[in-house]
């Protein structure tokens, strides 16, 4: 069921469980495990480029061509939290959907790593059903 859609439970319209979005990173295997691509962020150190679509991540990888062995990895919110706590723990910033050739400065949204982790944790939390009917609509009220 799509995010924001409604379903009927016990005669009441309630919010349906939403699907968590998948994010994409550019990564490669090295001797220590998984290495995540990082880009310089002027005046702030390094940022982890994160993409909302696989095609955008592949386009970035193709345009930047950082060398051999890099690939696009799709991650659930739980996987992304794990990556940012492991191999990405040293990065201070996340650049969402950066533009190739401009480092992290071409990203429409750059945020501190901790803020992005908070966002991911919220995505992984279960959606709570509404406890009251929406707008007073009940199945038996329409009859």
C-alpha atoms as a PDB file:
ATOM      1  CA  UNK A   1       0.000   0.000   0.000  1.00  0.00           C
ATOM      2  CA  UNK A   2       1.386   3.453  -0.875  1.00  0.00           C
ATOM      3  CA  UNK A   3       2.464   6.045   1.640  1.00  0.00           C
ATOM      4  CA  UNK A   4      -0.380   8.222   2.804  1.00  0.00           C
ATOM      5  CA  UNK A   5      -3.085   5.869   1.550  1.00  0.00           C
ATOM      6  CA  UNK A   6      -6.064   4.825   3.616  1.00  0.00           C
ATOM      7  CA  UNK A   7      -7.559   1.468   4.458  1.00  0.00           C
ATOM      8  CA  UNK A   8     -10.564   0.312   6.418  1.00  0.00           C
ATOM      9  CA  UNK A   9     -10.153  -1.475   9.757  1.00  0.00           C
ATOM     10  CA  UNK A  10     -13.150  -2.463  11.822  1.00  0.00           C
ATOM     11  CA  UNK A  11     -15.325   0.000   9.910  1.00  0.00           C
ATOM     12  CA  UNK A  12     -12.968   2.958  10.453  1.00  0.00           C
ATOM     13  CA  UNK A  13     -10.702   4.614   7.881  1.00  0.00           C
ATOM     14  CA  UNK A  14      -7.135   4.566   9.197  1.00  0.00           C
ATOM     15  CA  UNK A  15      -3.733   5.478   7.872  1.00  0.00           C
ATOM     16  CA  UNK A  16      -2.049   2.515   6.181  1.00  0.00           C
ATOM     17  CA  UNK A  17       1.505   1.457   6.952  1.00  0.00           C
ATOM     18  CA  UNK A  18       3.942   3.341   4.744  1.00  0.00           C
ATOM     19  CA  UNK A  19       6.859   1.794   2.912  1.00  0.00           C
ATOM     20  CA  UNK A  20      10.250   3.198   3.818  1.00  0.00           C
ATOM     21  CA  UNK A  21      12.160   4.672   0.879  1.00  0.00           C
ATOM     22  CA  UNK A  22      15.361   3.078  -0.367  1.00  0.00           C
ATOM     23  CA  UNK A  23      18.464   5.245  -0.559  1.00  0.00           C
ATOM     24  CA  UNK A  24      21.506   4.607  -2.731  1.00  0.00           C
ATOM     25  CA  UNK A  25      25.216   5.094  -2.071  1.00  0.00           C
ATOM     26  CA  UNK A  26      28.353   4.541  -4.118  1.00  0.00           C
ATOM     27  CA  UNK A  27      30.557   1.903  -2.518  1.00  0.00           C
ATOM     28  CA  UNK A  28      33.323  -0.605  -3.135  1.00  0.00           C
ATOM     29  CA  UNK A  29      34.850  -3.537  -1.312  1.00  0.00           C
ATOM     30  CA  UNK A  30      38.321  -3.037   0.114  1.00  0.00           C
ATOM     31  CA  UNK A  31      40.492  -5.064   2.476  1.00  0.00           C
ATOM     32  CA  UNK A  32      38.637  -3.728   5.542  1.00  0.00           C
ATOM     33  CA  UNK A  33      35.111  -4.263   4.179  1.00  0.00           C
ATOM     34  CA  UNK A  34      32.846  -1.776   2.457  1.00  0.00           C
ATOM     35  CA  UNK A  35      34.210   1.660   1.564  1.00  0.00           C
ATOM     36  CA  UNK A  36      31.722   4.468   0.910  1.00  0.00           C
ATOM     37  CA  UNK A  37      32.479   7.209  -1.597  1.00  0.00           C
ATOM     38  CA  UNK A  38      33.003  10.569   0.087  1.00  0.00           C
ATOM     39  CA  UNK A  39      33.179  13.992  -1.519  1.00  0.00           C
ATOM     40  CA  UNK A  40      34.860  17.161  -0.259  1.00  0.00           C
ATOM     41  CA  UNK A  41      32.508  19.735   1.186  1.00  0.00           C
ATOM     42  CA  UNK A  42      34.085  23.181   1.095  1.00  0.00           C
ATOM     43  CA  UNK A  43      34.750  24.426   4.614  1.00  0.00           C
ATOM     44  CA  UNK A  44      33.082  21.417   6.264  1.00  0.00           C
ATOM     45  CA  UNK A  45      35.284  18.383   5.569  1.00  0.00           C
ATOM     46  CA  UNK A  46      33.709  15.456   3.737  1.00  0.00           C
ATOM     47  CA  UNK A  47      30.174  14.445   2.858  1.00  0.00           C
ATOM     48  CA  UNK A  48      28.633  11.111   1.982  1.00  0.00           C
ATOM     49  CA  UNK A  49      26.648  11.412  -1.260  1.00  0.00           C
ATOM     50  CA  UNK A  50      23.247   9.716  -0.841  1.00  0.00           C
ATOM     51  CA  UNK A  51      20.765   9.356  -3.670  1.00  0.00           C
ATOM     52  CA  UNK A  52      17.011   8.958  -3.690  1.00  0.00           C
ATOM     53  CA  UNK A  53      17.073   7.003  -6.977  1.00  0.00           C
ATOM     54  CA  UNK A  54      19.367   4.329  -8.333  1.00  0.00           C
ATOM     55  CA  UNK A  55      19.600   5.971 -11.746  1.00  0.00           C
ATOM     56  CA  UNK A  56      20.849   9.202 -10.127  1.00  0.00           C
ATOM     57  CA  UNK A  57      23.533   7.310  -8.208  1.00  0.00           C
ATOM     58  CA  UNK A  58      24.617   5.466 -11.385  1.00  0.00           C
ATOM     59  CA  UNK A  59      24.768   8.753 -13.307  1.00  0.00           C
ATOM     60  CA  UNK A  60      26.888  10.287 -10.570  1.00  0.00           C
ATOM     61  CA  UNK A  61      29.209   7.279 -10.538  1.00  0.00           C
ATOM     62  CA  UNK A  62      29.555   7.382 -14.342  1.00  0.00           C
ATOM     63  CA  UNK A  63      30.258  11.144 -14.379  1.00  0.00           C
ATOM     64  CA  UNK A  64      32.690  11.144 -11.470  1.00  0.00           C
ATOM     65  CA  UNK A  65      34.507   7.887 -12.452  1.00  0.00           C
ATOM     66  CA  UNK A  66      36.499   7.650  -9.196  1.00  0.00           C
ATOM     67  CA  UNK A  67      38.349   4.492 -10.347  1.00  0.00           C
ATOM     68  CA  UNK A  68      37.695   0.784 -10.429  1.00  0.00           C
ATOM     69  CA  UNK A  69      35.535  -1.338  -8.205  1.00  0.00           C
ATOM     70  CA  UNK A  70      32.848   1.220  -7.347  1.00  0.00           C
ATOM     71  CA  UNK A  71      29.184   0.258  -7.618  1.00  0.00           C
ATOM     72  CA  UNK A  72      25.777   1.583  -6.572  1.00  0.00           C
ATOM     73  CA  UNK A  73      24.322  -0.023  -3.473  1.00  0.00           C
ATOM     74  CA  UNK A  74      20.638   0.226  -2.560  1.00  0.00           C
ATOM     75  CA  UNK A  75      20.004   0.433   1.190  1.00  0.00           C
ATOM     76  CA  UNK A  76      16.960   0.200   3.412  1.00  0.00           C
ATOM     77  CA  UNK A  77      16.831   2.684   6.313  1.00  0.00           C
ATOM     78  CA  UNK A  78      18.208  -0.023   8.639  1.00  0.00           C
ATOM     79  CA  UNK A  79      21.121  -0.784   6.271  1.00  0.00           C
ATOM     80  CA  UNK A  80      21.879   2.914   5.866  1.00  0.00           C
ATOM     81  CA  UNK A  81      21.964   3.376   9.651  1.00  0.00           C
ATOM     82  CA  UNK A  82      24.380   0.461   9.874  1.00  0.00           C
ATOM     83  CA  UNK A  83      26.625   1.920   7.156  1.00  0.00           C
ATOM     84  CA  UNK A  84      26.648   5.358   8.765  1.00  0.00           C
ATOM     85  CA  UNK A  85      27.519   3.786  12.099  1.00  0.00           C
ATOM     86  CA  UNK A  86      30.258   1.625  10.559  1.00  0.00           C
ATOM     87  CA  UNK A  87      32.291   2.614   7.510  1.00  0.00           C
ATOM     88  CA  UNK A  88      30.545   6.000   7.259  1.00  0.00           C
ATOM     89  CA  UNK A  89      30.955   6.913  10.921  1.00  0.00           C
ATOM     90  CA  UNK A  90      33.813   9.321  10.217  1.00  0.00           C
ATOM     91  CA  UNK A  91      31.862  11.508   7.806  1.00  0.00           C
ATOM     92  CA  UNK A  92      30.219  14.599   9.282  1.00  0.00           C
ATOM     93  CA  UNK A  93      27.778  15.453   6.501  1.00  0.00           C
ATOM     94  CA  UNK A  94      25.337  13.822   4.083  1.00  0.00           C
ATOM     95  CA  UNK A  95      24.788  15.338   0.626  1.00  0.00           C
ATOM     96  CA  UNK A  96      21.404  14.336  -0.781  1.00  0.00           C
ATOM     97  CA  UNK A  97      21.288  13.934  -4.568  1.00  0.00           C
ATOM     98  CA  UNK A  98      24.505  15.866  -5.354  1.00  0.00           C
ATOM     99  CA  UNK A  99      25.209  17.071  -8.883  1.00  0.00           C
ATOM    100  CA  UNK A 100      28.262  15.472 -10.569  1.00  0.00           C
ATOM    101  CA  UNK A 101      31.374  17.623 -10.880  1.00  0.00           C
ATOM    102  CA  UNK A 102      30.572  19.905  -7.970  1.00  0.00           C
ATOM    103  CA  UNK A 103      31.391  17.698  -4.975  1.00  0.00           C
ATOM    104  CA  UNK A 104      28.955  18.051  -2.114  1.00  0.00           C
ATOM    105  CA  UNK A 105      28.373  21.713  -2.971  1.00  0.00           C
ATOM    106  CA  UNK A 106      26.029  20.722  -5.802  1.00  0.00           C
ATOM    107  CA  UNK A 107      23.619  18.948  -3.481  1.00  0.00           C
ATOM    108  CA  UNK A 108      20.208  20.540  -3.009  1.00  0.00           C
ATOM    109  CA  UNK A 109      20.299  19.392   0.601  1.00  0.00           C
ATOM    110  CA  UNK A 110      23.347  18.971   2.818  1.00  0.00           C
ATOM    111  CA  UNK A 111      22.734  18.016   6.419  1.00  0.00           C
ATOM    112  CA  UNK A 112      24.739  16.852   9.411  1.00  0.00           C
ATOM    113  CA  UNK A 113      25.153  13.071   9.565  1.00  0.00           C
ATOM    114  CA  UNK A 114      23.301  12.900  12.884  1.00  0.00           C
ATOM    115  CA  UNK A 115      20.244  14.648  11.405  1.00  0.00           C
ATOM    116  CA  UNK A 116      20.146  12.149   8.540  1.00  0.00           C
ATOM    117  CA  UNK A 117      20.432   9.283  11.047  1.00  0.00           C
ATOM    118  CA  UNK A 118      17.452  10.713  12.963  1.00  0.00           C
ATOM    119  CA  UNK A 119      15.475  10.865   9.709  1.00  0.00           C
ATOM    120  CA  UNK A 120      16.342   7.224   8.933  1.00  0.00           C
ATOM    121  CA  UNK A 121      15.357   6.091  12.421  1.00  0.00           C
ATOM    122  CA  UNK A 122      11.946   7.719  11.961  1.00  0.00           C
ATOM    123  CA  UNK A 123      11.486   5.892   8.647  1.00  0.00           C
ATOM    124  CA  UNK A 124      12.132   2.575  10.352  1.00  0.00           C
ATOM    125  CA  UNK A 125       9.651   3.219  13.137  1.00  0.00           C
ATOM    126  CA  UNK A 126       6.289   1.483  12.706  1.00  0.00           C
ATOM    127  CA  UNK A 127       3.429   3.674  11.574  1.00  0.00           C
ATOM    128  CA  UNK A 128       0.789   4.088  14.253  1.00  0.00           C
ATOM    129  CA  UNK A 129      -2.856   3.652  13.263  1.00  0.00           C
ATOM    130  CA  UNK A 130      -5.204   6.500  13.995  1.00  0.00           C
ATOM    131  CA  UNK A 131      -7.274   5.831  17.081  1.00  0.00           C
ATOM    132  CA  UNK A 132     -10.305   7.805  15.917  1.00  0.00           C
ATOM    133  CA  UNK A 133     -12.135   7.610  12.589  1.00  0.00           C
ATOM    134  CA  UNK A 134     -11.148  10.243  10.036  1.00  0.00           C
ATOM    135  CA  UNK A 135     -13.776  12.973   9.621  1.00  0.00           C
ATOM    136  CA  UNK A 136     -16.296  10.870  11.523  1.00  0.00           C
ATOM    137  CA  UNK A 137     -16.597   8.376   8.638  1.00  0.00           C
ATOM    138  CA  UNK A 138     -17.734   4.932   9.727  1.00  0.00           C
ATOM    139  CA  UNK A 139     -18.815   2.061   7.553  1.00  0.00           C
ATOM    140  CA  UNK A 140     -22.228   1.802   9.259  1.00  0.00           C
ATOM    141  CA  UNK A 141     -22.765   5.598   9.101  1.00  0.00           C
ATOM    142  CA  UNK A 142     -23.089   5.421   5.304  1.00  0.00           C
ATOM    143  CA  UNK A 143     -25.949   2.908   5.511  1.00  0.00           C
END
